[in-house]
C-alpha cells in the first residue's frame, strides 16, 4: 500500500497531466479559424516566460538570435514582470508582455486572446529556449504559432 507521502507526487503528476490535456483541448477549440492563412516571411517569436533572474542570465545568449536570424522580425513574448526591461534591449523588434498568472489562473479569455494573437500573426519560426517550463503555458503558445519551424528543449517533463 502506498503511503500518503508517496501518493502525493503521483497525484500531483496525474493532475498536472489532466490539466495539460484539458487546456490543450480547450486551446484547440479556441484557435479554430484564428490561424494566419499564410505565414509572414522572416518572422520569429521567442517565448520566455520565466522569472527575471533566469531572463538576465539568458541575455548573453539572447544577443545571438539577431546574428542567427539577421533578416527576421523578432518578437519576444516576455513575462509581464520584466517586459519593460526587455523593451530597452536591442535583441528584438517587439516585446509582447504576458501576465503569466492571468494566463493560467482561471482567466480563460485572457489566455485565449493571447493565443489567438499569436496564431493570427503567422510566425515562420517559434523558439522556446526554456528548459524547465510548464507545458500548459509556454508550450501552448508555441503550439498556437503553428510555425513551420518550432525549436525547443525537451527538458525534464
Protein backbone atom coordinates (compact mmCIF):
# COMPACT_ATOMS: atom_id res chain seq x y z
CA UNK A 1 0.00 0.00 0.00
CA UNK A 2 1.25 3.49 -0.88
CA UNK A 3 1.84 5.84 1.97
CA UNK A 4 0.46 9.39 1.60
CA UNK A 5 3.98 10.79 1.16
CA UNK A 6 4.41 8.63 -1.97
CA UNK A 7 0.90 9.21 -3.18
CA UNK A 8 1.15 13.00 -3.13
CA UNK A 9 3.71 13.31 -6.01
CA UNK A 10 1.80 10.72 -8.03
CA UNK A 11 -1.50 12.56 -7.60
CA UNK A 12 0.20 15.88 -8.45
CA UNK A 13 1.66 14.40 -11.61
CA UNK A 14 -1.69 12.94 -12.70
CA UNK A 15 -3.46 16.25 -12.02
CA UNK A 16 -0.80 18.14 -14.00
CA UNK A 17 -1.24 15.78 -16.95
CA UNK A 18 -5.04 16.08 -16.85
CA UNK A 19 -4.77 19.86 -16.69
CA UNK A 20 -2.35 19.91 -19.62
CA UNK A 21 -4.61 17.73 -21.79
CA UNK A 22 -7.72 19.65 -20.81
CA UNK A 23 -6.19 23.01 -21.63
CA UNK A 24 -4.76 21.62 -24.86
CA UNK A 25 -8.25 20.56 -25.93
CA UNK A 26 -9.79 23.92 -24.97
CA UNK A 27 -6.97 25.84 -26.65
CA UNK A 28 -7.51 23.84 -29.83
CA UNK A 29 -11.21 24.75 -29.87
CA UNK A 30 -10.41 28.39 -29.17
CA UNK A 31 -7.90 28.63 -32.01
CA UNK A 32 -10.24 27.35 -34.70
CA UNK A 33 -10.24 29.83 -37.55
CA UNK A 34 -7.73 32.20 -35.96
CA UNK A 35 -4.58 30.99 -37.66
CA UNK A 36 -2.97 33.09 -40.33
CA UNK A 37 -3.66 31.53 -43.74
CA UNK A 38 -0.04 32.04 -44.80
CA UNK A 39 2.95 32.59 -42.55
CA UNK A 40 4.60 36.00 -42.66
CA UNK A 41 8.07 35.54 -44.10
CA UNK A 42 11.02 36.10 -41.79
CA UNK A 43 9.12 36.35 -38.52
CA UNK A 44 10.35 34.77 -35.31
CA UNK A 45 8.87 34.55 -31.84
CA UNK A 46 10.95 33.84 -28.74
CA UNK A 47 8.85 32.63 -25.81
CA UNK A 48 10.50 33.45 -22.49
CA UNK A 49 8.05 33.46 -19.57
CA UNK A 50 10.29 32.60 -16.64
CA UNK A 51 11.44 34.83 -13.79
CA UNK A 52 13.70 37.86 -14.11
CA UNK A 53 16.83 36.10 -12.81
CA UNK A 54 16.60 33.43 -15.50
CA UNK A 55 15.94 36.12 -18.10
CA UNK A 56 19.01 38.14 -17.06
CA UNK A 57 21.22 35.03 -17.15
CA UNK A 58 19.89 34.25 -20.65
CA UNK A 59 20.65 37.70 -22.08
CA UNK A 60 24.16 36.80 -23.21
CA UNK A 61 22.60 34.07 -25.35
CA UNK A 62 19.73 36.31 -26.47
CA UNK A 63 22.00 38.67 -28.35
CA UNK A 64 22.97 35.82 -30.70
CA UNK A 65 19.45 35.42 -32.08
CA UNK A 66 19.89 38.65 -34.03
CA UNK A 67 23.06 37.18 -35.56
CA UNK A 68 21.41 33.83 -36.30
CA UNK A 69 18.30 35.45 -37.81
CA UNK A 70 19.57 38.78 -39.24
CA UNK A 71 16.64 39.35 -41.60
CA UNK A 72 13.86 38.27 -39.26
CA UNK A 73 11.41 40.42 -37.38
CA UNK A 74 11.91 39.10 -33.83
CA UNK A 75 9.14 39.22 -31.24
CA UNK A 76 9.92 38.37 -27.63
CA UNK A 77 6.96 37.04 -25.68
CA UNK A 78 8.00 38.14 -22.21
CA UNK A 79 6.87 37.73 -18.62
CA UNK A 80 4.99 40.95 -17.81
CA UNK A 81 7.10 41.47 -14.65
CA UNK A 82 10.23 42.22 -16.69
CA UNK A 83 8.88 43.07 -20.14
CA UNK A 84 9.64 46.81 -19.70
CA UNK A 85 13.31 45.97 -19.16
CA UNK A 86 13.28 43.79 -22.28
CA UNK A 87 11.88 46.65 -24.40
CA UNK A 88 15.10 48.61 -23.85
CA UNK A 89 17.31 45.88 -25.31
CA UNK A 90 18.31 45.75 -28.99
CA UNK A 91 17.92 42.00 -29.45
CA UNK A 92 14.32 42.01 -30.73
CA UNK A 93 11.93 44.26 -32.60
CA UNK A 94 8.88 43.89 -30.38
CA UNK A 95 8.08 42.71 -26.86
CA UNK A 96 4.67 41.20 -26.11
CA UNK A 97 4.10 41.03 -22.34
CA UNK A 98 2.20 38.13 -20.80
CA UNK A 99 0.82 38.16 -17.29
CA UNK A 100 1.67 34.52 -16.59
CA UNK A 101 -0.66 34.27 -13.60
CA UNK A 102 -3.64 35.63 -15.59
CA UNK A 103 -2.71 33.39 -18.50
CA UNK A 104 -3.01 30.34 -16.28
CA UNK A 105 -5.22 31.06 -13.27
CA UNK A 106 -8.91 30.91 -14.21
CA UNK A 107 -8.74 33.69 -16.76
CA UNK A 108 -9.52 31.77 -19.91
CA UNK A 109 -10.44 34.80 -22.00
CA UNK A 110 -7.07 36.43 -21.35
CA UNK A 111 -5.33 33.16 -22.25
CA UNK A 112 -7.27 32.73 -25.44
CA UNK A 113 -6.79 36.35 -26.54
CA UNK A 114 -3.03 35.83 -26.25
CA UNK A 115 -3.16 32.51 -28.11
CA UNK A 116 -5.34 33.93 -30.88
CA UNK A 117 -3.00 36.92 -31.31
CA UNK A 118 -0.02 34.58 -31.62
CA UNK A 119 -1.86 32.30 -34.05
CA UNK A 120 -3.04 35.15 -36.25
CA UNK A 121 0.41 36.70 -36.61
CA UNK A 122 1.76 33.91 -38.81
CA UNK A 123 5.24 33.35 -37.40
CA UNK A 124 7.61 31.25 -39.50
CA UNK A 125 9.94 30.37 -36.60
CA UNK A 126 8.99 29.80 -32.96
CA UNK A 127 11.64 29.22 -30.29
CA UNK A 128 11.21 28.36 -26.64
CA UNK A 129 14.70 28.28 -25.11
CA UNK A 130 13.47 27.46 -21.59
CA UNK A 131 14.42 24.03 -20.22
CA UNK A 132 12.22 23.95 -17.13
CA UNK A 133 8.75 25.05 -18.08
CA UNK A 134 5.09 24.28 -17.71
CA UNK A 135 3.60 22.79 -20.86
CA UNK A 136 0.25 24.50 -20.33
CA UNK A 137 1.87 27.93 -20.55
CA UNK A 138 4.89 28.26 -22.90
CA UNK A 139 4.26 25.13 -24.92
CA UNK A 140 0.67 26.25 -25.51
CA UNK A 141 1.99 29.46 -27.05
CA UNK A 142 4.46 27.58 -29.25
CA UNK A 143 1.66 25.24 -30.43
CA UNK A 144 -0.55 28.24 -31.20
CA UNK A 145 2.03 29.70 -33.59
CA UNK A 146 1.76 26.72 -35.94
CA UNK A 147 5.14 27.93 -37.21
CA UNK A 148 6.70 25.63 -39.80
CA UNK A 149 9.91 25.66 -37.73
CA UNK A 150 9.48 25.17 -33.96
CA UNK A 151 12.55 24.87 -31.79
CA UNK A 152 12.71 23.93 -28.12
CA UNK A 153 14.35 21.81 -25.50
CA UNK A 154 12.80 18.51 -24.45
CA UNK A 155 13.58 19.28 -20.80
CA UNK A 156 12.76 17.08 -17.83
CA UNK A 157 8.99 16.86 -18.49
